[in-house]
Amino acid sequence: MNDVLIFGLTMAEFEDISLKVCLGALILYMMFIIWNLGKESKAGKYGMMWMFIGLGVGFVGFVAKGVIQKLLGIE
């Protein structure tokens, strides 16, 4: 049985690509929300830095996981 979904991709390939694209877009949108929150609250440069550090720690973990998988050849 051939599991071709669309554009010649299997279901697993489609899920892998869509996860990276959609989650990447979600991360960019959330970074925009953090930036907008800092701008609206007039946090300044130092406050904005801490907002990005405090609220953006989860992004770093997701990106680091992908980089570590590429470096170790696990993917």
PDB file of N, CA and C in Angstrom:
ATOM      1  N   MET A   1       0.842  -1.182   0.000  1.00  0.00           N
ATOM      2  CA  MET A   1       0.000   0.000   0.000  1.00  0.00           C
ATOM      3  C   MET A   1       0.883   1.239   0.000  1.00  0.00           C
ATOM      4  N   ASN A   2       0.635   2.131  -0.922  1.00  0.00           N
ATOM      5  CA  ASN A   2       1.428   3.349  -1.054  1.00  0.00           C
ATOM      6  C   ASN A   2       0.759   4.468  -0.252  1.00  0.00           C
ATOM      7  N   ASP A   3       1.471   5.047   0.704  1.00  0.00           N
ATOM      8  CA  ASP A   3       0.913   6.061   1.589  1.00  0.00           C
ATOM      9  C   ASP A   3       1.196   7.478   1.108  1.00  0.00           C
ATOM     10  N   VAL A   4       1.011   7.745  -0.184  1.00  0.00           N
ATOM     11  CA  VAL A   4       1.246   9.089  -0.707  1.00  0.00           C
ATOM     12  C   VAL A   4       0.046   9.952  -0.376  1.00  0.00           C
ATOM     13  N   LEU A   5       0.324  11.111   0.234  1.00  0.00           N
ATOM     14  CA  LEU A   5      -0.751  12.006   0.650  1.00  0.00           C
ATOM     15  C   LEU A   5      -0.987  13.083  -0.409  1.00  0.00           C
ATOM     16  N   ILE A   6      -0.069  13.986  -0.557  1.00  0.00           N
ATOM     17  CA  ILE A   6      -0.188  15.083  -1.514  1.00  0.00           C
ATOM     18  C   ILE A   6       1.212  15.588  -1.830  1.00  0.00           C
ATOM     19  N   PHE A   7       1.410  16.026  -3.035  1.00  0.00           N
ATOM     20  CA  PHE A   7       2.713  16.496  -3.501  1.00  0.00           C
ATOM     21  C   PHE A   7       3.793  15.432  -3.334  1.00  0.00           C
ATOM     22  N   GLY A   8       3.419  14.177  -3.340  1.00  0.00           N
ATOM     23  CA  GLY A   8       4.382  13.090  -3.237  1.00  0.00           C
ATOM     24  C   GLY A   8       4.930  12.854  -1.840  1.00  0.00           C
ATOM     25  N   LEU A   9       4.280  13.376  -0.825  1.00  0.00           N
ATOM     26  CA  LEU A   9       4.736  13.216   0.560  1.00  0.00           C
ATOM     27  C   LEU A   9       3.940  12.118   1.252  1.00  0.00           C
ATOM     28  N   THR A  10       4.614  11.395   2.120  1.00  0.00           N
ATOM     29  CA  THR A  10       3.891  10.449   2.967  1.00  0.00           C
ATOM     30  C   THR A  10       3.303  11.216   4.149  1.00  0.00           C
ATOM     31  N   MET A  11       2.474  10.560   4.909  1.00  0.00           N
ATOM     32  CA  MET A  11       1.837  11.200   6.063  1.00  0.00           C
ATOM     33  C   MET A  11       2.888  11.653   7.078  1.00  0.00           C
ATOM     34  N   ALA A  12       3.902  10.837   7.334  1.00  0.00           N
ATOM     35  CA  ALA A  12       4.946  11.188   8.306  1.00  0.00           C
ATOM     36  C   ALA A  12       5.746  12.403   7.834  1.00  0.00           C
ATOM     37  N   GLU A  13       6.076  12.454   6.542  1.00  0.00           N
ATOM     38  CA  GLU A  13       6.825  13.603   6.011  1.00  0.00           C
ATOM     39  C   GLU A  13       5.983  14.873   6.092  1.00  0.00           C
ATOM     40  N   PHE A  14       4.708  14.754   5.746  1.00  0.00           N
ATOM     41  CA  PHE A  14       3.809  15.903   5.819  1.00  0.00           C
ATOM     42  C   PHE A  14       3.686  16.415   7.250  1.00  0.00           C
ATOM     43  N   GLU A  15       3.536  15.517   8.212  1.00  0.00           N
ATOM     44  CA  GLU A  15       3.423  15.913   9.616  1.00  0.00           C
ATOM     45  C   GLU A  15       4.691  16.585  10.108  1.00  0.00           C
ATOM     46  N   ASP A  16       5.851  16.054   9.696  1.00  0.00           N
ATOM     47  CA  ASP A  16       7.125  16.631  10.121  1.00  0.00           C
ATOM     48  C   ASP A  16       7.289  18.049   9.588  1.00  0.00           C
ATOM     49  N   ILE A  17       6.996  18.240   8.311  1.00  0.00           N
ATOM     50  CA  ILE A  17       7.136  19.560   7.707  1.00  0.00           C
ATOM     51  C   ILE A  17       6.118  20.530   8.294  1.00  0.00           C
ATOM     52  N   SER A  18       4.861  20.092   8.433  1.00  0.00           N
ATOM     53  CA  SER A  18       3.834  20.999   8.951  1.00  0.00           C
ATOM     54  C   SER A  18       4.092  21.365  10.408  1.00  0.00           C
ATOM     55  N   LEU A  19       4.640  20.439  11.194  1.00  0.00           N
ATOM     56  CA  LEU A  19       4.974  20.755  12.584  1.00  0.00           C
ATOM     57  C   LEU A  19       6.011  21.860  12.641  1.00  0.00           C
ATOM     58  N   LYS A  20       7.060  21.741  11.854  1.00  0.00           N
ATOM     59  CA  LYS A  20       8.125  22.741  11.888  1.00  0.00           C
ATOM     60  C   LYS A  20       7.648  24.087  11.365  1.00  0.00           C
ATOM     61  N   VAL A  21       6.885  24.084  10.289  1.00  0.00           N
ATOM     62  CA  VAL A  21       6.415  25.347   9.707  1.00  0.00           C
ATOM     63  C   VAL A  21       5.394  26.020  10.615  1.00  0.00           C
ATOM     64  N   CYS A  22       4.390  25.278  11.042  1.00  0.00           N
ATOM     65  CA  CYS A  22       3.325  25.872  11.850  1.00  0.00           C
ATOM     66  C   CYS A  22       3.820  26.280  13.235  1.00  0.00           C
ATOM     67  N   LEU A  23       4.656  25.467  13.838  1.00  0.00           N
ATOM     68  CA  LEU A  23       5.166  25.823  15.157  1.00  0.00           C
ATOM     69  C   LEU A  23       6.136  27.007  15.050  1.00  0.00           C
ATOM     70  N   GLY A  24       6.902  27.054  13.977  1.00  0.00           N
ATOM     71  CA  GLY A  24       7.776  28.210  13.752  1.00  0.00           C
ATOM     72  C   GLY A  24       6.972  29.495  13.585  1.00  0.00           C
ATOM     73  N   ALA A  25       5.875  29.416  12.838  1.00  0.00           N
ATOM     74  CA  ALA A  25       5.004  30.578  12.668  1.00  0.00           C
ATOM     75  C   ALA A  25       4.371  30.979  14.000  1.00  0.00           C
ATOM     76  N   LEU A  26       3.984  29.997  14.796  1.00  0.00           N
ATOM     77  CA  LEU A  26       3.407  30.286  16.111  1.00  0.00           C
ATOM     78  C   LEU A  26       4.430  30.963  17.021  1.00  0.00           C
ATOM     79  N   ILE A  27       5.671  30.523  16.974  1.00  0.00           N
ATOM     80  CA  ILE A  27       6.727  31.141  17.783  1.00  0.00           C
ATOM     81  C   ILE A  27       6.934  32.591  17.355  1.00  0.00           C
ATOM     82  N   LEU A  28       6.974  32.835  16.043  1.00  0.00           N
ATOM     83  CA  LEU A  28       7.127  34.214  15.567  1.00  0.00           C
ATOM     84  C   LEU A  28       5.956  35.086  16.017  1.00  0.00           C
ATOM     85  N   TYR A  29       4.750  34.547  15.957  1.00  0.00           N
ATOM     86  CA  TYR A  29       3.576  35.296  16.393  1.00  0.00           C
ATOM     87  C   TYR A  29       3.649  35.591  17.892  1.00  0.00           C
ATOM     88  N   MET A  30       4.085  34.631  18.678  1.00  0.00           N
ATOM     89  CA  MET A  30       4.201  34.836  20.120  1.00  0.00           C
ATOM     90  C   MET A  30       5.292  35.852  20.443  1.00  0.00           C
ATOM     91  N   MET A  31       6.366  35.878  19.646  1.00  0.00           N
ATOM     92  CA  MET A  31       7.405  36.897  19.847  1.00  0.00           C
ATOM     93  C   MET A  31       6.839  38.285  19.542  1.00  0.00           C
ATOM     94  N   PHE A  32       5.996  38.378  18.509  1.00  0.00           N
ATOM     95  CA  PHE A  32       5.331  39.647  18.218  1.00  0.00           C
ATOM     96  C   PHE A  32       4.453  40.072  19.386  1.00  0.00           C
ATOM     97  N   ILE A  33       3.738  39.128  19.992  1.00  0.00           N
ATOM     98  CA  ILE A  33       2.881  39.440  21.134  1.00  0.00           C
ATOM     99  C   ILE A  33       3.715  39.959  22.308  1.00  0.00           C
ATOM    100  N   ILE A  34       4.856  39.321  22.565  1.00  0.00           N
ATOM    101  CA  ILE A  34       5.741  39.781  23.642  1.00  0.00           C
ATOM    102  C   ILE A  34       6.241  41.189  23.352  1.00  0.00           C
ATOM    103  N   TRP A  35       6.654  41.434  22.101  1.00  0.00           N
ATOM    104  CA  TRP A  35       7.150  42.763  21.721  1.00  0.00           C
ATOM    105  C   TRP A  35       6.047  43.800  21.879  1.00  0.00           C
ATOM    106  N   ASN A  36       4.830  43.464  21.434  1.00  0.00           N
ATOM    107  CA  ASN A  36       3.708  44.398  21.534  1.00  0.00           C
ATOM    108  C   ASN A  36       3.349  44.671  22.998  1.00  0.00           C
ATOM    109  N   LEU A  37       3.402  43.640  23.816  1.00  0.00           N
ATOM    110  CA  LEU A  37       3.127  43.799  25.247  1.00  0.00           C
ATOM    111  C   LEU A  37       4.147  44.741  25.886  1.00  0.00           C
ATOM    112  N   GLY A  38       5.417  44.593  25.523  1.00  0.00           N
ATOM    113  CA  GLY A  38       6.451  45.474  26.051  1.00  0.00           C
ATOM    114  C   GLY A  38       6.291  46.898  25.576  1.00  0.00           C
ATOM    115  N   LYS A  39       5.897  47.061  24.308  1.00  0.00           N
ATOM    116  CA  LYS A  39       5.696  48.405  23.760  1.00  0.00           C
ATOM    117  C   LYS A  39       4.503  49.089  24.420  1.00  0.00           C
ATOM    118  N   GLU A  40       3.405  48.344  24.592  1.00  0.00           N
ATOM    119  CA  GLU A  40       2.199  48.911  25.197  1.00  0.00           C
ATOM    120  C   GLU A  40       2.433  49.292  26.662  1.00  0.00           C
ATOM    121  N   SER A  41       3.256  48.534  27.360  1.00  0.00           N
ATOM    122  CA  SER A  41       3.495  48.819  28.774  1.00  0.00           C
ATOM    123  C   SER A  41       4.658  49.786  28.982  1.00  0.00           C
ATOM    124  N   LYS A  42       5.268  50.248  27.893  1.00  0.00           N
ATOM    125  CA  LYS A  42       6.399  51.183  27.939  1.00  0.00           C
ATOM    126  C   LYS A  42       7.513  50.634  28.836  1.00  0.00           C
ATOM    127  N   ALA A  43       7.892  49.373  28.559  1.00  0.00           N
ATOM    128  CA  ALA A  43       8.851  48.675  29.403  1.00  0.00           C
ATOM    129  C   ALA A  43      10.272  49.205  29.242  1.00  0.00           C
ATOM    130  N   GLY A  44      10.623  49.811  28.147  1.00  0.00           N
ATOM    131  CA  GLY A  44      11.985  50.267  27.932  1.00  0.00           C
ATOM    132  C   GLY A  44      12.858  49.122  27.451  1.00  0.00           C
ATOM    133  N   LYS A  45      14.118  49.427  27.165  1.00  0.00           N
ATOM    134  CA  LYS A  45      15.020  48.404  26.623  1.00  0.00           C
ATOM    135  C   LYS A  45      15.301  47.296  27.638  1.00  0.00           C
ATOM    136  N   TYR A  46      15.561  47.669  28.877  1.00  0.00           N
ATOM    137  CA  TYR A  46      15.892  46.679  29.904  1.00  0.00           C
ATOM    138  C   TYR A  46      14.676  45.806  30.228  1.00  0.00           C
ATOM    139  N   GLY A  47      13.524  46.423  30.359  1.00  0.00           N
ATOM    140  CA  GLY A  47      12.308  45.669  30.639  1.00  0.00           C
ATOM    141  C   GLY A  47      11.926  44.760  29.481  1.00  0.00           C
ATOM    142  N   MET A  48      12.113  45.260  28.255  1.00  0.00           N
ATOM    143  CA  MET A  48      11.807  44.457  27.072  1.00  0.00           C
ATOM    144  C   MET A  48      12.728  43.241  27.012  1.00  0.00           C
ATOM    145  N   MET A  49      14.005  43.441  27.358  1.00  0.00           N
ATOM    146  CA  MET A  49      14.956  42.329  27.362  1.00  0.00           C
ATOM    147  C   MET A  49      14.499  41.246  28.341  1.00  0.00           C
ATOM    148  N   TRP A  50      14.085  41.646  29.537  1.00  0.00           N
ATOM    149  CA  TRP A  50      13.659  40.669  30.529  1.00  0.00           C
ATOM    150  C   TRP A  50      12.341  40.005  30.155  1.00  0.00           C
ATOM    151  N   MET A  51      11.495  40.718  29.456  1.00  0.00           N
ATOM    152  CA  MET A  51      10.254  40.102  28.989  1.00  0.00           C
ATOM    153  C   MET A  51      10.561  39.006  27.966  1.00  0.00           C
ATOM    154  N   PHE A  52      11.459  39.304  27.042  1.00  0.00           N
ATOM    155  CA  PHE A  52      11.815  38.292  26.047  1.00  0.00           C
ATOM    156  C   PHE A  52      12.535  37.107  26.691  1.00  0.00           C
ATOM    157  N   ILE A  53      13.389  37.379  27.670  1.00  0.00           N
ATOM    158  CA  ILE A  53      14.088  36.278  28.355  1.00  0.00           C
ATOM    159  C   ILE A  53      13.082  35.439  29.145  1.00  0.00           C
ATOM    160  N   GLY A  54      12.246  36.094  29.932  1.00  0.00           N
ATOM    161  CA  GLY A  54      11.314  35.368  30.793  1.00  0.00           C
ATOM    162  C   GLY A  54      10.231  34.622  30.031  1.00  0.00           C
ATOM    163  N   LEU A  55       9.677  35.264  29.025  1.00  0.00           N
ATOM    164  CA  LEU A  55       8.573  34.652  28.299  1.00  0.00           C
ATOM    165  C   LEU A  55       9.044  33.798  27.118  1.00  0.00           C
ATOM    166  N   GLY A  56      10.284  34.001  26.695  1.00  0.00           N
ATOM    167  CA  GLY A  56      10.765  33.288  25.525  1.00  0.00           C
ATOM    168  C   GLY A  56      11.646  32.093  25.811  1.00  0.00           C
ATOM    169  N   VAL A  57      11.743  31.668  27.060  1.00  0.00           N
ATOM    170  CA  VAL A  57      12.598  30.537  27.414  1.00  0.00           C
ATOM    171  C   VAL A  57      12.123  29.242  26.745  1.00  0.00           C
ATOM    172  N   GLY A  58      10.827  29.072  26.603  1.00  0.00           N
ATOM    173  CA  GLY A  58      10.290  27.878  25.961  1.00  0.00           C
ATOM    174  C   GLY A  58      10.691  27.774  24.507  1.00  0.00           C
ATOM    175  N   PHE A  59      10.793  28.914  23.823  1.00  0.00           N
ATOM    176  CA  PHE A  59      11.211  28.907  22.424  1.00  0.00           C
ATOM    177  C   PHE A  59      12.631  28.382  22.301  1.00  0.00           C
ATOM    178  N   VAL A  60      13.478  28.812  23.221  1.00  0.00           N
ATOM    179  CA  VAL A  60      14.880  28.402  23.180  1.00  0.00           C
ATOM    180  C   VAL A  60      14.994  26.889  23.311  1.00  0.00           C
ATOM    181  N   GLY A  61      14.202  26.289  24.180  1.00  0.00           N
ATOM    182  CA  GLY A  61      14.221  24.840  24.346  1.00  0.00           C
ATOM    183  C   GLY A  61      13.803  24.115  23.084  1.00  0.00           C
ATOM    184  N   PHE A  62      12.774  24.605  22.417  1.00  0.00           N
ATOM    185  CA  PHE A  62      12.311  23.970  21.182  1.00  0.00           C
ATOM    186  C   PHE A  62      13.359  24.065  20.080  1.00  0.00           C
ATOM    187  N   VAL A  63      13.948  25.247  19.918  1.00  0.00           N
ATOM    188  CA  VAL A  63      14.965  25.444  18.885  1.00  0.00           C
ATOM    189  C   VAL A  63      16.218  24.642  19.222  1.00  0.00           C
ATOM    190  N   ALA A  64      16.618  24.631  20.484  1.00  0.00           N
ATOM    191  CA  ALA A  64      17.808  23.875  20.898  1.00  0.00           C
ATOM    192  C   ALA A  64      17.622  22.385  20.647  1.00  0.00           C
ATOM    193  N   LYS A  65      16.432  21.879  20.874  1.00  0.00           N
ATOM    194  CA  LYS A  65      16.150  20.461  20.624  1.00  0.00           C
ATOM    195  C   LYS A  65      16.383  20.123  19.160  1.00  0.00           C
ATOM    196  N   GLY A  66      15.906  20.960  18.267  1.00  0.00           N
ATOM    197  CA  GLY A  66      16.104  20.735  16.833  1.00  0.00           C
ATOM    198  C   GLY A  66      17.560  20.798  16.432  1.00  0.00           C
ATOM    199  N   VAL A  67      18.290  21.771  16.986  1.00  0.00           N
ATOM    200  CA  VAL A  67      19.716  21.915  16.662  1.00  0.00           C
ATOM    201  C   VAL A  67      20.507  20.717  17.177  1.00  0.00           C
ATOM    202  N   ILE A  68      20.217  20.274  18.393  1.00  0.00           N
ATOM    203  CA  ILE A  68      20.928  19.132  18.971  1.00  0.00           C
ATOM    204  C   ILE A  68      20.640  17.867  18.169  1.00  0.00           C
ATOM    205  N   GLN A  69      19.405  17.689  17.722  1.00  0.00           N
ATOM    206  CA  GLN A  69      19.077  16.513  16.902  1.00  0.00           C
ATOM    207  C   GLN A  69      19.840  16.534  15.589  1.00  0.00           C
ATOM    208  N   LYS A  70      19.960  17.703  14.972  1.00  0.00           N
ATOM    209  CA  LYS A  70      20.708  17.813  13.714  1.00  0.00           C
ATOM    210  C   LYS A  70      22.185  17.506  13.947  1.00  0.00           C
ATOM    211  N   LEU A  71      22.758  18.056  15.021  1.00  0.00           N
ATOM    212  CA  LEU A  71      24.180  17.864  15.290  1.00  0.00           C
ATOM    213  C   LEU A  71      24.509  16.407  15.587  1.00  0.00           C
ATOM    214  N   LEU A  72      23.618  15.719  16.310  1.00  0.00           N
ATOM    215  CA  LEU A  72      23.867  14.333  16.671  1.00  0.00           C
ATOM    216  C   LEU A  72      23.378  13.345  15.610  1.00  0.00           C
ATOM    217  N   GLY A  73      22.679  13.855  14.601  1.00  0.00           N
ATOM    218  CA  GLY A  73      22.181  12.989  13.549  1.00  0.00           C
ATOM    219  C   GLY A  73      21.060  12.075  13.992  1.00  0.00           C
ATOM    220  N   ILE A  74      20.315  12.470  14.987  1.00  0.00           N
ATOM    221  CA  ILE A  74      19.235  11.664  15.529  1.00  0.00           C
ATOM    222  C   ILE A  74      18.001  11.719  14.635  1.00  0.00           C
ATOM    223  N   GLU A  75      17.762  12.842  14.026  1.00  0.00           N
ATOM    224  CA  GLU A  75      16.539  13.074  13.267  1.00  0.00           C
ATOM    225  C   GLU A  75      16.353  12.128  12.124  1.00  0.00           C
TER     226      GLU A  75
END
